[in-house]
N, C-alpha and C. Protein backbone atom coordinates (compact mmCIF):
# COMPACT_ATOMS: atom_id res chain seq x y z
N MET A 1 112.28 176.58 106.00
CA MET A 1 111.54 175.35 105.12
C MET A 1 111.41 176.06 103.93
N SER A 2 112.04 175.04 103.10
CA SER A 2 112.27 174.98 101.40
C SER A 2 110.68 175.41 100.52
N LEU A 3 110.50 175.98 99.76
CA LEU A 3 109.45 176.33 98.80
C LEU A 3 108.48 174.90 98.82
N ASP A 4 109.73 173.87 97.82
CA ASP A 4 109.01 172.66 98.04
C ASP A 4 108.13 171.68 99.39
N GLU A 5 109.25 172.07 100.23
CA GLU A 5 108.80 171.34 101.26
C GLU A 5 107.08 171.93 102.24
N GLN A 6 107.03 173.29 101.74
CA GLN A 6 106.00 174.10 102.32
C GLN A 6 104.49 173.45 101.34
N PHE A 7 105.31 173.39 100.38
CA PHE A 7 103.97 172.74 98.96
C PHE A 7 103.85 171.57 99.22
N ASN A 8 104.43 170.84 99.66
CA ASN A 8 104.16 169.18 100.38
C ASN A 8 103.37 169.55 101.41
N ALA A 9 103.98 170.43 102.31
CA ALA A 9 102.92 170.66 103.51
C ALA A 9 101.36 170.77 103.05
N ALA A 10 101.67 171.83 102.56
CA ALA A 10 99.97 172.34 102.22
C ALA A 10 99.22 171.39 101.50
N ALA A 11 99.65 170.50 100.72
CA ALA A 11 99.00 169.39 99.76
C ALA A 11 98.66 168.51 100.87
N GLU A 12 99.39 168.11 102.42
CA GLU A 12 99.00 167.48 102.86
C GLU A 12 97.64 167.78 104.10
N ARG A 13 97.97 169.13 104.33
CA ARG A 13 96.80 170.32 105.08
C ARG A 13 95.99 169.16 104.32
N VAL A 14 95.95 169.92 102.76
CA VAL A 14 94.10 170.03 102.62
C VAL A 14 93.78 168.55 102.80
N LYS A 15 94.04 167.63 102.82
CA LYS A 15 93.67 166.27 103.49
C LYS A 15 93.06 166.27 104.42
N THR A 16 93.20 167.14 105.43
CA THR A 16 92.70 167.04 106.51
C THR A 16 91.68 168.39 106.91
N MET A 17 91.33 168.40 106.01
CA MET A 17 89.95 169.58 105.88
C MET A 17 88.84 168.92 106.61
N THR A 18 88.25 169.65 107.33
CA THR A 18 86.60 169.15 107.98
C THR A 18 85.66 169.44 107.40
N LYS A 19 85.62 170.38 106.53
CA LYS A 19 84.39 170.77 105.73
C LYS A 19 84.70 170.84 104.55
N ARG A 20 83.81 170.76 103.68
CA ARG A 20 83.68 170.28 101.94
C ARG A 20 83.93 172.01 101.28
N PRO A 21 85.23 172.27 100.77
CA PRO A 21 85.30 173.27 100.14
C PRO A 21 84.29 173.46 98.73
N THR A 22 84.05 174.46 98.41
CA THR A 22 83.05 174.52 97.16
C THR A 22 83.51 174.21 96.13
N ASP A 23 83.11 173.83 94.57
CA ASP A 23 83.48 173.50 93.92
C ASP A 23 84.40 174.40 93.22
N GLU A 24 83.81 175.30 93.20
CA GLU A 24 85.08 176.38 92.72
C GLU A 24 86.75 176.42 93.66
N GLU A 25 86.36 176.31 94.67
CA GLU A 25 87.37 176.38 95.62
C GLU A 25 88.48 174.76 94.86
N PHE A 26 87.25 174.07 95.06
CA PHE A 26 88.05 172.65 94.85
C PHE A 26 88.81 172.43 93.06
N LEU A 27 88.25 173.48 92.25
CA LEU A 27 88.69 173.56 90.81
C LEU A 27 90.20 174.38 90.93
N GLU A 28 90.19 175.46 91.77
CA GLU A 28 91.18 176.40 92.16
C GLU A 28 92.36 175.45 92.44
N LEU A 29 92.15 174.98 93.87
CA LEU A 29 93.13 173.89 94.07
C LEU A 29 93.70 172.97 93.15
N TYR A 30 92.49 172.35 92.13
CA TYR A 30 93.41 171.63 91.33
C TYR A 30 94.32 172.16 90.27
N ALA A 31 93.66 172.98 89.86
CA ALA A 31 94.16 174.26 88.82
C ALA A 31 95.88 174.63 89.34
N LEU A 32 95.83 175.10 90.44
CA LEU A 32 97.02 175.66 91.52
C LEU A 32 98.22 174.17 91.34
N PHE A 33 97.68 173.52 91.77
CA PHE A 33 98.33 172.12 91.89
C PHE A 33 99.08 171.68 90.59
N LYS A 34 98.02 170.84 90.02
CA LYS A 34 98.80 170.60 88.33
C LYS A 34 99.81 171.57 88.02
N GLN A 35 99.60 173.30 87.94
CA GLN A 35 100.49 173.88 87.06
C GLN A 35 101.50 173.67 88.13
N ALA A 36 101.42 173.73 89.53
CA ALA A 36 103.01 173.74 90.38
C ALA A 36 103.58 171.74 90.04
N THR A 37 102.87 171.42 89.58
CA THR A 37 104.09 170.01 89.46
C THR A 37 103.91 169.36 87.82
N VAL A 38 103.45 169.88 87.20
CA VAL A 38 103.36 169.44 85.65
C VAL A 38 103.59 170.51 84.56
N GLY A 39 103.41 171.82 85.12
CA GLY A 39 103.30 173.30 84.49
C GLY A 39 102.05 173.71 83.31
N ASP A 40 102.39 173.99 82.50
CA ASP A 40 101.38 174.97 81.45
C ASP A 40 100.47 173.21 80.98
N ASN A 41 99.28 173.58 81.00
CA ASN A 41 98.26 172.51 80.34
C ASN A 41 98.70 172.11 78.52
N ASN A 42 98.94 171.23 78.09
CA ASN A 42 99.45 170.93 76.86
C ASN A 42 98.22 169.44 76.25
N THR A 43 97.36 169.40 77.18
CA THR A 43 96.49 168.42 77.36
C THR A 43 95.03 168.83 76.14
N ASN A 44 94.89 167.90 75.23
CA ASN A 44 93.64 168.13 74.57
C ASN A 44 92.20 168.44 75.38
N LYS A 45 91.50 169.31 74.71
CA LYS A 45 90.10 170.08 76.10
C LYS A 45 89.31 168.39 75.41
N PRO A 46 88.92 167.99 76.67
CA PRO A 46 87.74 167.04 76.67
C PRO A 46 86.68 167.29 76.13
N GLY A 47 85.92 166.65 75.93
CA GLY A 47 84.88 166.89 75.21
C GLY A 47 83.68 167.61 75.74
N LEU A 48 82.54 167.55 74.89
CA LEU A 48 81.36 168.29 75.51
C LEU A 48 80.69 167.91 76.61
N PHE A 49 80.42 166.81 76.26
CA PHE A 49 79.90 165.88 77.58
C PHE A 49 80.61 165.39 78.51
N ASP A 50 81.86 165.45 78.40
CA ASP A 50 82.24 165.29 80.03
C ASP A 50 82.58 166.62 80.93
N LEU A 51 81.47 167.32 81.69
CA LEU A 51 81.85 168.39 82.30
C LEU A 51 82.88 168.65 83.01
N LYS A 52 83.14 167.12 84.05
CA LYS A 52 84.16 167.36 85.42
C LYS A 52 85.22 167.83 84.68
N ALA A 53 85.69 167.08 83.60
CA ALA A 53 87.02 167.17 82.92
C ALA A 53 87.11 168.44 82.55
N LYS A 54 86.37 168.57 81.59
CA LYS A 54 85.82 169.73 81.00
C LYS A 54 86.60 170.90 81.80
N ALA A 55 85.77 171.23 83.02
CA ALA A 55 86.13 172.43 84.12
C ALA A 55 87.64 172.00 84.39
N LYS A 56 87.68 171.07 84.96
CA LYS A 56 89.08 170.82 85.58
C LYS A 56 89.94 171.14 84.41
N TRP A 57 89.93 170.89 83.35
CA TRP A 57 90.56 171.25 82.12
C TRP A 57 90.73 172.64 81.80
N GLU A 58 89.62 173.81 81.68
CA GLU A 58 89.57 174.74 81.81
C GLU A 58 90.15 175.57 82.74
N TRP A 59 90.01 175.25 84.12
CA TRP A 59 90.76 176.06 85.47
C TRP A 59 91.94 175.91 85.06
N TRP A 60 92.86 174.71 84.80
CA TRP A 60 94.18 174.38 85.13
C TRP A 60 94.72 175.56 83.56
N ASN A 61 93.98 175.23 82.76
CA ASN A 61 94.27 176.23 81.39
C ASN A 61 94.70 177.91 81.86
N LYS A 62 93.68 178.27 82.52
CA LYS A 62 93.61 179.62 82.92
C LYS A 62 94.87 180.40 83.39
N GLN A 63 96.06 178.77 84.05
CA GLN A 63 96.97 179.21 85.10
C GLN A 63 98.29 179.30 83.77
N LYS A 64 97.52 179.08 83.05
CA LYS A 64 98.90 178.78 81.49
C LYS A 64 100.00 179.50 81.83
N GLY A 65 101.17 179.91 81.35
CA GLY A 65 102.14 180.89 81.60
C GLY A 65 102.79 181.04 83.26
N LYS A 66 102.00 180.73 83.80
CA LYS A 66 102.35 180.57 85.34
C LYS A 66 103.28 179.57 85.66
N SER A 67 104.48 180.57 86.48
CA SER A 67 105.81 179.69 86.63
C SER A 67 105.34 178.35 87.68
N GLU A 68 105.94 177.17 87.80
CA GLU A 68 106.03 176.19 88.61
C GLU A 68 105.92 176.94 90.33
N ASP A 69 107.26 177.96 90.73
CA ASP A 69 107.31 178.15 91.54
C ASP A 69 106.13 179.25 91.93
N GLN A 70 105.68 180.27 91.28
CA GLN A 70 104.59 181.14 91.42
C GLN A 70 103.45 180.01 91.55
N ALA A 71 103.09 179.11 91.21
CA ALA A 71 101.88 178.26 91.41
C ALA A 71 101.96 178.05 92.67
N LYS A 72 103.14 177.32 93.07
CA LYS A 72 103.40 176.87 94.16
C LYS A 72 103.15 177.70 95.70
N LYS A 73 103.55 179.15 95.40
CA LYS A 73 102.87 180.33 96.43
C LYS A 73 101.59 180.03 96.43
N GLU A 74 101.35 180.22 95.13
CA GLU A 74 99.44 180.64 95.24
C GLU A 74 99.18 179.58 95.67
N TYR A 75 99.50 178.53 95.47
CA TYR A 75 98.67 177.37 96.32
C TYR A 75 98.83 177.18 97.42
N ILE A 76 100.13 177.88 98.24
CA ILE A 76 100.37 177.45 99.67
C ILE A 76 99.60 178.47 100.13
N ASP A 77 99.32 179.72 99.35
CA ASP A 77 98.15 180.27 100.22
C ASP A 77 97.26 180.66 99.96
N PHE A 78 96.97 179.83 98.92
CA PHE A 78 95.30 179.50 98.65
C PHE A 78 94.57 178.36 99.95
N VAL A 79 95.85 177.18 100.22
CA VAL A 79 95.23 176.58 101.14
C VAL A 79 95.27 176.94 102.20
N GLN A 80 96.25 178.16 103.23
CA GLN A 80 96.39 178.57 104.15
C GLN A 80 94.83 179.43 104.25
N ARG A 81 94.51 180.12 102.88
CA ARG A 81 92.77 180.58 103.24
C ARG A 81 91.97 180.01 103.54
N LEU A 82 92.00 178.60 102.71
CA LEU A 82 90.93 177.83 103.07
C LEU A 82 90.64 177.44 104.45
N MET A 83 92.22 176.94 105.21
CA MET A 83 91.86 176.48 106.13
C MET A 83 91.56 177.47 107.44
N SER A 84 91.89 178.90 106.95
CA SER A 84 91.63 179.45 108.12
C SER A 84 90.01 179.83 108.02
N LYS A 85 89.37 179.52 106.84
CA LYS A 85 87.85 179.66 106.47
C LYS A 85 87.16 178.42 106.96
N PHE A 86 87.71 177.40 107.35
CA PHE A 86 87.37 176.22 107.78
C PHE A 86 87.51 176.24 109.82
N ARG A 87 88.84 176.69 109.75
CA ARG A 87 89.42 176.04 111.68
C ARG A 87 90.47 177.51 111.84
N LEU A 88 90.52 178.05 112.82
CA LEU A 88 91.00 178.76 113.54
C LEU A 88 92.11 178.11 114.09
N LYS A 89 93.49 178.66 113.37
CA LYS A 89 94.43 177.64 114.06
C LYS A 89 95.65 178.91 114.57
N VAL A 90 96.14 178.65 116.19
CA VAL A 90 96.98 179.67 116.50
C VAL A 90 98.33 179.01 116.91
N ASP A 91 99.22 179.72 116.48
CA ASP A 91 100.60 178.51 117.02
C ASP A 91 101.15 179.45 118.02
N VAL A 92 101.58 178.62 119.13
CA VAL A 92 102.35 179.58 120.15
C VAL A 92 103.90 178.67 120.13
N ASP A 93 104.80 179.57 120.14
CA ASP A 93 106.23 179.14 120.41
C ASP A 93 106.34 178.89 122.01
N SER A 94 106.54 177.77 122.37
CA SER A 94 106.40 177.34 123.40
C SER A 94 108.43 177.29 123.55
N GLY A 95 109.12 177.92 123.08
CA GLY A 95 110.43 177.63 123.63
C GLY A 95 111.01 176.31 122.57
N SER A 96 111.04 174.89 123.09
CA SER A 96 111.41 173.60 122.45
C SER A 96 110.36 173.70 121.53
N MET A 97 109.30 173.68 121.73
CA MET A 97 108.73 173.17 120.56
C MET A 97 107.73 173.99 120.06
N LEU A 98 106.76 174.19 118.94
CA LEU A 98 105.59 174.56 118.57
C LEU A 98 104.43 174.15 118.67
N ALA A 99 103.56 174.38 119.32
CA ALA A 99 102.20 173.44 119.52
C ALA A 99 101.36 174.33 118.54
N THR A 100 100.15 173.63 118.51
CA THR A 100 99.17 174.01 117.57
C THR A 100 98.00 173.94 117.59
N PHE A 101 97.32 174.83 118.13
CA PHE A 101 95.74 174.18 118.64
C PHE A 101 94.39 174.90 117.76
N ASN A 102 93.86 173.86 117.17
CA ASN A 102 92.86 174.22 116.32
C ASN A 102 91.69 174.44 117.41
N ILE A 103 90.57 176.13 117.30
CA ILE A 103 90.02 176.38 117.88
C ILE A 103 88.59 175.54 117.14
N VAL A 104 87.60 175.15 117.55
CA VAL A 104 86.94 173.99 117.19
C VAL A 104 85.60 174.40 117.62
N LEU A 105 84.37 174.55 117.26
CA LEU A 105 83.07 175.03 117.41
C LEU A 105 82.77 174.23 117.39
N ILE A 106 81.74 173.54 118.86
CA ILE A 106 81.32 172.35 119.53
C ILE A 106 79.74 172.44 118.88
N GLN A 107 79.55 171.36 118.17
CA GLN A 107 78.45 171.50 117.53
C GLN A 107 77.29 170.61 118.35
N PRO A 108 75.97 170.82 118.44
CA PRO A 108 75.34 170.38 119.39
C PRO A 108 74.92 169.36 119.21
N SER A 109 75.21 168.13 117.77
CA SER A 109 74.97 166.87 118.21
C SER A 109 76.39 166.25 118.68
N LEU A 110 77.69 167.07 118.73
CA LEU A 110 78.78 166.51 119.78
C LEU A 110 78.48 166.07 120.94
N ILE A 111 77.57 167.55 121.39
CA ILE A 111 77.45 167.23 122.84
C ILE A 111 76.57 166.03 123.58
N ASN A 112 75.65 165.95 122.83
CA ASN A 112 74.51 164.78 122.96
C ASN A 112 75.48 163.54 123.17
N ARG A 113 76.62 163.33 121.92
CA ARG A 113 77.27 162.11 121.99
C ARG A 113 77.82 161.93 123.13
N TYR A 114 78.59 162.80 123.85
CA TYR A 114 79.13 162.81 124.96
C TYR A 114 78.59 163.36 126.10
N ASP A 115 77.19 163.37 126.58
CA ASP A 115 76.77 164.30 127.26
C ASP A 115 76.86 163.76 128.71
N ARG A 116 77.81 162.61 129.05
CA ARG A 116 78.01 162.20 130.64
C ARG A 116 79.02 162.88 130.67
N GLY A 117 78.93 163.65 132.37
CA GLY A 117 80.29 164.03 132.76
C GLY A 117 80.50 165.20 132.08
N PHE A 118 79.09 165.95 131.42
CA PHE A 118 79.33 167.37 130.75
C PHE A 118 79.17 168.09 131.60
N PRO A 119 80.45 169.57 131.42
CA PRO A 119 81.24 169.60 130.33
C PRO A 119 82.58 169.14 130.67
N ASN A 120 83.18 168.32 131.72
CA ASN A 120 84.39 167.81 131.64
C ASN A 120 85.18 166.96 131.03
N ASN A 121 84.04 165.80 131.00
CA ASN A 121 84.81 164.88 129.73
C ASN A 121 84.73 165.69 128.21
N LEU A 122 83.99 166.08 128.01
CA LEU A 122 83.49 166.38 126.51
C LEU A 122 85.18 167.55 126.60
N PHE A 123 84.90 168.25 127.51
CA PHE A 123 85.97 169.38 127.58
C PHE A 123 87.31 168.83 127.10
N ARG A 124 87.33 167.44 128.06
CA ARG A 124 88.92 166.71 128.12
C ARG A 124 88.90 166.11 126.75
N ILE A 125 87.92 165.52 126.03
CA ILE A 125 88.06 164.86 124.60
C ILE A 125 88.67 165.82 123.59
N PHE A 126 87.83 167.07 124.04
CA PHE A 126 88.29 168.20 122.56
C PHE A 126 89.58 168.85 122.86
N PHE A 127 89.70 168.74 123.80
CA PHE A 127 91.22 169.71 124.28
C PHE A 127 92.43 168.04 123.82
N SER A 128 92.28 167.27 124.03
CA SER A 128 92.90 165.89 123.69
C SER A 128 93.36 165.69 121.83
N THR A 129 92.04 166.21 121.58
CA THR A 129 92.17 165.85 119.64
C THR A 129 92.63 167.38 119.51
N ILE A 130 92.16 168.61 120.16
CA ILE A 130 92.89 169.53 118.99
C ILE A 130 94.19 169.80 119.11
N PHE A 131 94.66 169.28 120.69
CA PHE A 131 96.18 169.73 121.09
C PHE A 131 97.37 168.93 120.24
N SER A 132 98.29 169.40 119.26
CA SER A 132 99.27 168.46 118.47
C SER A 132 100.38 168.90 118.54
N PRO A 133 101.09 168.86 119.24
CA PRO A 133 102.70 169.24 119.28
C PRO A 133 103.11 168.90 118.24
N ARG A 134 103.93 169.64 117.73
CA ARG A 134 104.81 169.58 116.45
C ARG A 134 105.84 170.02 116.45
N ALA A 135 107.47 169.31 115.78
CA ALA A 135 108.59 169.94 115.94
C ALA A 135 108.50 171.25 115.42
N ALA A 136 109.66 171.95 115.91
CA ALA A 136 109.33 173.23 115.41
C ALA A 136 110.45 173.46 114.15
């Protein structure tokens, strides 16, 4: 897979995150994404009272001088670290296809929601949602 394809796949994976990253992690994602897609920050610094825009501008500006390819590599690595932080991913090569299993911790609130037929129905529900075969 080319670097651009890996970068685009990582950008799509970010959209599937099940938990919210910290503000610093969001800003790092934003800065690396902007550096990888736009390049160096050449925009004017936002005003003093626009704190959100100012934080985004400052984090992007920290990436100044980094090549787009290097920013893409760092973005891909950062997304992988975030994904491993929020869920454990195990790839199993079964010959003709690559299956991805996401190991999910069962929360007590979910057990209450599916308590009929527990544990068999709950296991079936989770197994069907975490097993997602994809092409190799």
